[in-house]
Every structure is written in C-alpha cells, then in structure tokens.
C-alpha cells in the first residue's frame, strides 16, 4: 500500500468507522464481535483499496465487506447460550433481564422473518446501518427508488403485524 492509499484509508476510517460499527453491531448484537468485524472489514479494505473504483460510496463498499464477514461468521459459529453471552459481553444483568432482552430481540427478529430476505436486508441497512436509500440500492444491486419503495412496504407490513397483535389483546 502506497502513502496515498494509506492516507485515503485513514480518511475513510475517520468518516465511516462509527457508521460501519453501528451497522455491524445491529447485525450481530454483540459489542466485541462488532468491533472485531469492523477491524477485519478495514483490514480487508486495506488489502484491496487499490481495487476500489468508486462505483459506490466508501460506506457502501465497507458495508458489503462487513456483511460478507458477518455471514461467514454465522456459518462458522453456533450462537452462545444466554449465560455465556452475558460473560462475553461483560454484562452483569440478572438471568431474568437477559432472558427478557433475548425474548424481545427474538420477537423483533421473528417479525422481520415474516418479510422476504431483500426487504429484511433493506430494513437492517436503513434502520441499523443508517444508510441512505441510494447506498442501500448500491449494496443490493438495485436502484434508489427500489430501496425506498421496499423499505416503505416492509414498514407497512411490520405495522400491520403489530396492529394485528394489539387487536388480539
């Protein structure tokens, strides 16, 4: 890596690291893992910065790398039980708090599972990655308009699910 590429990567890190970390944290739900994935993403980006052609934003490029690393991690490691997850995260929550938090998260993810895979991905990228619709379109190989409409439709579906549940109570 030459000096120009090194400076370019440092500038990208300053601008995009927090957004990338936020996206990865919401994908995995684990602080340490999100930090590891963020570091590994920048390591991979450093190795391939000369190949970055600027056809998408730098954040889009980083999110693509990070997402692939997350998928690879999912294939390699089974999830930890609640008590072990608390130890890894360094939390001192009671078992009841851990179970309740996991239940809420599971409930949210179950609702998201009712959406098709692309809509779920759009929801993650927009809500947790805080990406623009243009960036989401670039990541998924679609248009900005497609990302906007897909997000709106996904939001409407989730709203309907919550309203149905509320009416049943």
C-alpha atoms as a PDB file:
ATOM      1  CA  UNK A   1       0.000   0.000   0.000  1.00  0.00           C
ATOM      2  CA  UNK A   2       1.466   3.329  -1.015  1.00  0.00           C
ATOM      3  CA  UNK A   3       1.325   6.533   1.056  1.00  0.00           C
ATOM      4  CA  UNK A   4      -1.624   7.916  -0.928  1.00  0.00           C
ATOM      5  CA  UNK A   5      -3.683   4.750  -0.373  1.00  0.00           C
ATOM      6  CA  UNK A   6      -2.754   4.740   3.309  1.00  0.00           C
ATOM      7  CA  UNK A   7      -3.964   8.328   3.690  1.00  0.00           C
ATOM      8  CA  UNK A   8      -7.129   7.501   1.748  1.00  0.00           C
ATOM      9  CA  UNK A   9      -7.883   4.594   4.097  1.00  0.00           C
ATOM     10  CA  UNK A  10      -7.232   6.743   7.180  1.00  0.00           C
ATOM     11  CA  UNK A  11      -9.658   9.369   5.859  1.00  0.00           C
ATOM     12  CA  UNK A  12     -12.273   6.692   5.158  1.00  0.00           C
ATOM     13  CA  UNK A  13     -11.820   5.308   8.667  1.00  0.00           C
ATOM     14  CA  UNK A  14     -12.344   8.726  10.259  1.00  0.00           C
ATOM     15  CA  UNK A  15     -15.524   9.330   8.237  1.00  0.00           C
ATOM     16  CA  UNK A  16     -17.118   5.885   8.188  1.00  0.00           C
ATOM     17  CA  UNK A  17     -15.933   3.717  11.108  1.00  0.00           C
ATOM     18  CA  UNK A  18     -18.750   4.676  13.501  1.00  0.00           C
ATOM     19  CA  UNK A  19     -21.454   4.082  10.899  1.00  0.00           C
ATOM     20  CA  UNK A  20     -19.936   0.747   9.915  1.00  0.00           C
ATOM     21  CA  UNK A  21     -19.649  -0.318  13.555  1.00  0.00           C
ATOM     22  CA  UNK A  22     -23.280   0.653  14.191  1.00  0.00           C
ATOM     23  CA  UNK A  23     -24.451  -1.394  11.211  1.00  0.00           C
ATOM     24  CA  UNK A  24     -22.398  -4.435  12.224  1.00  0.00           C
ATOM     25  CA  UNK A  25     -23.420  -4.142  15.879  1.00  0.00           C
ATOM     26  CA  UNK A  26     -27.076  -4.247  14.947  1.00  0.00           C
ATOM     27  CA  UNK A  27     -26.471  -7.234  12.709  1.00  0.00           C
ATOM     28  CA  UNK A  28     -24.712  -9.273  15.374  1.00  0.00           C
ATOM     29  CA  UNK A  29     -25.927  -7.726  18.654  1.00  0.00           C
ATOM     30  CA  UNK A  30     -22.532  -8.172  20.296  1.00  0.00           C
ATOM     31  CA  UNK A  31     -20.154  -5.294  21.052  1.00  0.00           C
ATOM     32  CA  UNK A  32     -16.922  -7.282  20.862  1.00  0.00           C
ATOM     33  CA  UNK A  33     -17.939  -9.129  17.715  1.00  0.00           C
ATOM     34  CA  UNK A  34     -18.972  -5.864  16.056  1.00  0.00           C
ATOM     35  CA  UNK A  35     -15.571  -4.404  16.949  1.00  0.00           C
ATOM     36  CA  UNK A  36     -13.826  -7.472  15.527  1.00  0.00           C
ATOM     37  CA  UNK A  37     -15.901  -7.348  12.346  1.00  0.00           C
ATOM     38  CA  UNK A  38     -15.210  -3.621  11.973  1.00  0.00           C
ATOM     39  CA  UNK A  39     -11.469  -4.196  12.374  1.00  0.00           C
ATOM     40  CA  UNK A  40     -11.484  -7.114   9.957  1.00  0.00           C
ATOM     41  CA  UNK A  41     -13.502  -5.065   7.467  1.00  0.00           C
ATOM     42  CA  UNK A  42     -10.903  -2.293   7.492  1.00  0.00           C
ATOM     43  CA  UNK A  43      -8.113  -4.865   7.251  1.00  0.00           C
ATOM     44  CA  UNK A  44      -9.758  -6.333   4.144  1.00  0.00           C
ATOM     45  CA  UNK A  45     -10.377  -2.844   2.776  1.00  0.00           C
ATOM     46  CA  UNK A  46      -6.683  -2.002   3.240  1.00  0.00           C
ATOM     47  CA  UNK A  47      -5.694  -5.079   1.252  1.00  0.00           C
ATOM     48  CA  UNK A  48      -7.991  -4.160  -1.620  1.00  0.00           C
ATOM     49  CA  UNK A  49      -8.063  -0.350  -1.554  1.00  0.00           C
ATOM     50  CA  UNK A  50      -6.243  -0.206  -4.878  1.00  0.00           C
ATOM     51  CA  UNK A  51      -9.150  -2.113  -6.449  1.00  0.00           C
ATOM     52  CA  UNK A  52     -11.799   0.310  -5.127  1.00  0.00           C
ATOM     53  CA  UNK A  53     -13.077   2.093  -8.236  1.00  0.00           C
ATOM     54  CA  UNK A  54     -15.521   4.465  -6.586  1.00  0.00           C
ATOM     55  CA  UNK A  55     -18.566   2.966  -8.312  1.00  0.00           C
ATOM     56  CA  UNK A  56     -20.342   3.086  -4.938  1.00  0.00           C
ATOM     57  CA  UNK A  57     -19.774   5.106  -1.787  1.00  0.00           C
ATOM     58  CA  UNK A  58     -16.979   4.129   0.545  1.00  0.00           C
ATOM     59  CA  UNK A  59     -19.522   3.251   3.244  1.00  0.00           C
ATOM     60  CA  UNK A  60     -21.413   1.019   0.828  1.00  0.00           C
ATOM     61  CA  UNK A  61     -18.177  -0.749  -0.046  1.00  0.00           C
ATOM     62  CA  UNK A  62     -17.307  -1.239   3.632  1.00  0.00           C
ATOM     63  CA  UNK A  63     -20.808  -2.490   4.494  1.00  0.00           C
ATOM     64  CA  UNK A  64     -20.578  -5.054   1.713  1.00  0.00           C
ATOM     65  CA  UNK A  65     -17.275  -6.322   3.086  1.00  0.00           C
ATOM     66  CA  UNK A  66     -18.606  -6.327   6.665  1.00  0.00           C
ATOM     67  CA  UNK A  67     -21.824  -8.089   5.700  1.00  0.00           C
ATOM     68  CA  UNK A  68     -19.889 -10.880   3.986  1.00  0.00           C
ATOM     69  CA  UNK A  69     -17.660 -11.258   7.045  1.00  0.00           C
ATOM     70  CA  UNK A  70     -20.777 -11.460   9.249  1.00  0.00           C
ATOM     71  CA  UNK A  71     -22.284 -14.154   7.026  1.00  0.00           C
ATOM     72  CA  UNK A  72     -19.037 -16.112   7.170  1.00  0.00           C
ATOM     73  CA  UNK A  73     -19.049 -15.822  10.967  1.00  0.00           C
ATOM     74  CA  UNK A  74     -22.625 -17.134  11.133  1.00  0.00           C
ATOM     75  CA  UNK A  75     -21.666 -20.196   9.131  1.00  0.00           C
ATOM     76  CA  UNK A  76     -18.707 -20.940  11.391  1.00  0.00           C
ATOM     77  CA  UNK A  77     -20.010 -20.356  14.928  1.00  0.00           C
ATOM     78  CA  UNK A  78     -23.149 -21.531  16.744  1.00  0.00           C
ATOM     79  CA  UNK A  79     -24.835 -18.905  18.977  1.00  0.00           C
ATOM     80  CA  UNK A  80     -23.838 -18.758  22.643  1.00  0.00           C
ATOM     81  CA  UNK A  81     -26.280 -19.647  25.436  1.00  0.00           C
ATOM     82  CA  UNK A  82     -27.604 -16.641  27.421  1.00  0.00           C
ATOM     83  CA  UNK A  83     -25.273 -17.084  30.406  1.00  0.00           C
ATOM     84  CA  UNK A  84     -22.182 -17.406  28.220  1.00  0.00           C
ATOM     85  CA  UNK A  85     -23.262 -14.471  26.054  1.00  0.00           C
ATOM     86  CA  UNK A  86     -23.518 -12.309  29.176  1.00  0.00           C
ATOM     87  CA  UNK A  87     -19.969 -13.283  30.168  1.00  0.00           C
ATOM     88  CA  UNK A  88     -18.640 -12.451  26.703  1.00  0.00           C
ATOM     89  CA  UNK A  89     -20.469  -9.108  26.643  1.00  0.00           C
ATOM     90  CA  UNK A  90     -19.264  -8.295  30.147  1.00  0.00           C
ATOM     91  CA  UNK A  91     -22.794  -7.535  31.337  1.00  0.00           C
ATOM     92  CA  UNK A  92     -23.891  -8.055  34.896  1.00  0.00           C
ATOM     93  CA  UNK A  93     -27.583  -8.367  34.160  1.00  0.00           C
ATOM     94  CA  UNK A  94     -29.708 -10.834  36.036  1.00  0.00           C
ATOM     95  CA  UNK A  95     -30.713 -14.020  34.221  1.00  0.00           C
ATOM     96  CA  UNK A  96     -34.276 -12.669  34.064  1.00  0.00           C
ATOM     97  CA  UNK A  97     -33.106  -9.456  32.377  1.00  0.00           C
ATOM     98  CA  UNK A  98     -31.038 -11.424  29.893  1.00  0.00           C
ATOM     99  CA  UNK A  99     -33.928 -13.736  29.050  1.00  0.00           C
ATOM    100  CA  UNK A 100     -36.355 -10.812  28.705  1.00  0.00           C
ATOM    101  CA  UNK A 101     -33.953  -8.904  26.432  1.00  0.00           C
ATOM    102  CA  UNK A 102     -33.384 -12.005  24.331  1.00  0.00           C
ATOM    103  CA  UNK A 103     -37.140 -12.565  24.127  1.00  0.00           C
ATOM    104  CA  UNK A 104     -37.711  -9.002  22.886  1.00  0.00           C
ATOM    105  CA  UNK A 105     -34.931  -9.356  20.346  1.00  0.00           C
ATOM    106  CA  UNK A 106     -36.252 -12.751  19.248  1.00  0.00           C
ATOM    107  CA  UNK A 107     -39.745 -11.311  18.887  1.00  0.00           C
ATOM    108  CA  UNK A 108     -38.440  -8.466  16.703  1.00  0.00           C
ATOM    109  CA  UNK A 109     -36.388 -10.843  14.572  1.00  0.00           C
ATOM    110  CA  UNK A 110     -39.376 -13.187  14.191  1.00  0.00           C
ATOM    111  CA  UNK A 111     -41.439 -10.308  12.862  1.00  0.00           C
ATOM    112  CA  UNK A 112     -38.650  -9.425  10.452  1.00  0.00           C
ATOM    113  CA  UNK A 113     -38.515 -13.062   9.338  1.00  0.00           C
ATOM    114  CA  UNK A 114     -42.045 -12.610   8.034  1.00  0.00           C
ATOM    115  CA  UNK A 115     -40.569 -10.304   5.409  1.00  0.00           C
ATOM    116  CA  UNK A 116     -38.771 -11.566   2.338  1.00  0.00           C
ATOM    117  CA  UNK A 117     -34.956 -11.628   2.504  1.00  0.00           C
ATOM    118  CA  UNK A 118     -34.372  -8.493   0.435  1.00  0.00           C
ATOM    119  CA  UNK A 119     -36.906  -6.464   2.394  1.00  0.00           C
ATOM    120  CA  UNK A 120     -35.288  -7.614   5.657  1.00  0.00           C
ATOM    121  CA  UNK A 121     -31.890  -6.539   4.368  1.00  0.00           C
ATOM    122  CA  UNK A 122     -33.241  -3.122   3.364  1.00  0.00           C
ATOM    123  CA  UNK A 123     -34.744  -2.716   6.846  1.00  0.00           C
ATOM    124  CA  UNK A 124     -31.439  -3.624   8.536  1.00  0.00           C
ATOM    125  CA  UNK A 125     -29.386  -1.328   6.330  1.00  0.00           C
ATOM    126  CA  UNK A 126     -31.729   1.616   6.763  1.00  0.00           C
ATOM    127  CA  UNK A 127     -32.547   1.292  10.464  1.00  0.00           C
ATOM    128  CA  UNK A 128     -29.315  -0.085  11.860  1.00  0.00           C
ATOM    129  CA  UNK A 129     -26.760   0.864   9.258  1.00  0.00           C
ATOM    130  CA  UNK A 130     -28.313   4.314   8.868  1.00  0.00           C
ATOM    131  CA  UNK A 131     -27.592   4.175   5.154  1.00  0.00           C
ATOM    132  CA  UNK A 132     -29.243   6.308   2.508  1.00  0.00           C
ATOM    133  CA  UNK A 133     -31.596   4.667   0.042  1.00  0.00           C
ATOM    134  CA  UNK A 134     -29.009   5.287  -2.670  1.00  0.00           C
ATOM    135  CA  UNK A 135     -26.368   3.401  -0.667  1.00  0.00           C
ATOM    136  CA  UNK A 136     -28.793   0.575   0.069  1.00  0.00           C
ATOM    137  CA  UNK A 137     -29.574   0.287  -3.633  1.00  0.00           C
ATOM    138  CA  UNK A 138     -25.862   0.135  -4.427  1.00  0.00           C
ATOM    139  CA  UNK A 139     -25.203  -2.584  -1.842  1.00  0.00           C
ATOM    140  CA  UNK A 140     -28.059  -4.730  -3.118  1.00  0.00           C
ATOM    141  CA  UNK A 141     -27.539  -4.013  -6.816  1.00  0.00           C
ATOM    142  CA  UNK A 142     -30.855  -2.173  -7.143  1.00  0.00           C
ATOM    143  CA  UNK A 143     -31.999   1.406  -7.673  1.00  0.00           C
ATOM    144  CA  UNK A 144     -32.528   4.069  -5.041  1.00  0.00           C
ATOM    145  CA  UNK A 145     -36.253   4.088  -5.851  1.00  0.00           C
ATOM    146  CA  UNK A 146     -36.460   0.325  -5.381  1.00  0.00           C
ATOM    147  CA  UNK A 147     -34.809   0.629  -1.947  1.00  0.00           C
ATOM    148  CA  UNK A 148     -37.185   3.431  -0.934  1.00  0.00           C
ATOM    149  CA  UNK A 149     -40.320   1.536  -2.025  1.00  0.00           C
ATOM    150  CA  UNK A 150     -39.114  -1.734  -0.484  1.00  0.00           C
ATOM    151  CA  UNK A 151     -38.434  -0.019   2.842  1.00  0.00           C
ATOM    152  CA  UNK A 152     -41.866   1.617   2.821  1.00  0.00           C
ATOM    153  CA  UNK A 153     -43.619  -1.666   2.038  1.00  0.00           C
ATOM    154  CA  UNK A 154     -41.642  -3.500   4.722  1.00  0.00           C
ATOM    155  CA  UNK A 155     -42.519  -0.826   7.251  1.00  0.00           C
ATOM    156  CA  UNK A 156     -46.193  -1.115   6.322  1.00  0.00           C
ATOM    157  CA  UNK A 157     -46.098  -4.909   6.702  1.00  0.00           C
ATOM    158  CA  UNK A 158     -44.495  -4.660  10.151  1.00  0.00           C
ATOM    159  CA  UNK A 159     -47.008  -2.005  11.166  1.00  0.00           C
ATOM    160  CA  UNK A 160     -49.806  -4.373  10.131  1.00  0.00           C
ATOM    161  CA  UNK A 161     -48.301  -7.217  12.166  1.00  0.00           C
ATOM    162  CA  UNK A 162     -48.096  -5.041  15.289  1.00  0.00           C
ATOM    163  CA  UNK A 163     -51.659  -3.746  14.806  1.00  0.00           C
ATOM    164  CA  UNK A 164     -52.991  -7.302  14.412  1.00  0.00           C
ATOM    165  CA  UNK A 165     -51.264  -8.356  17.630  1.00  0.00           C
ATOM    166  CA  UNK A 166     -52.603  -5.350  19.503  1.00  0.00           C
ATOM    167  CA  UNK A 167     -56.146  -6.070  18.299  1.00  0.00           C
ATOM    168  CA  UNK A 168     -55.892  -9.661  19.557  1.00  0.00           C
ATOM    169  CA  UNK A 169     -55.059  -8.469  23.076  1.00  0.00           C
END
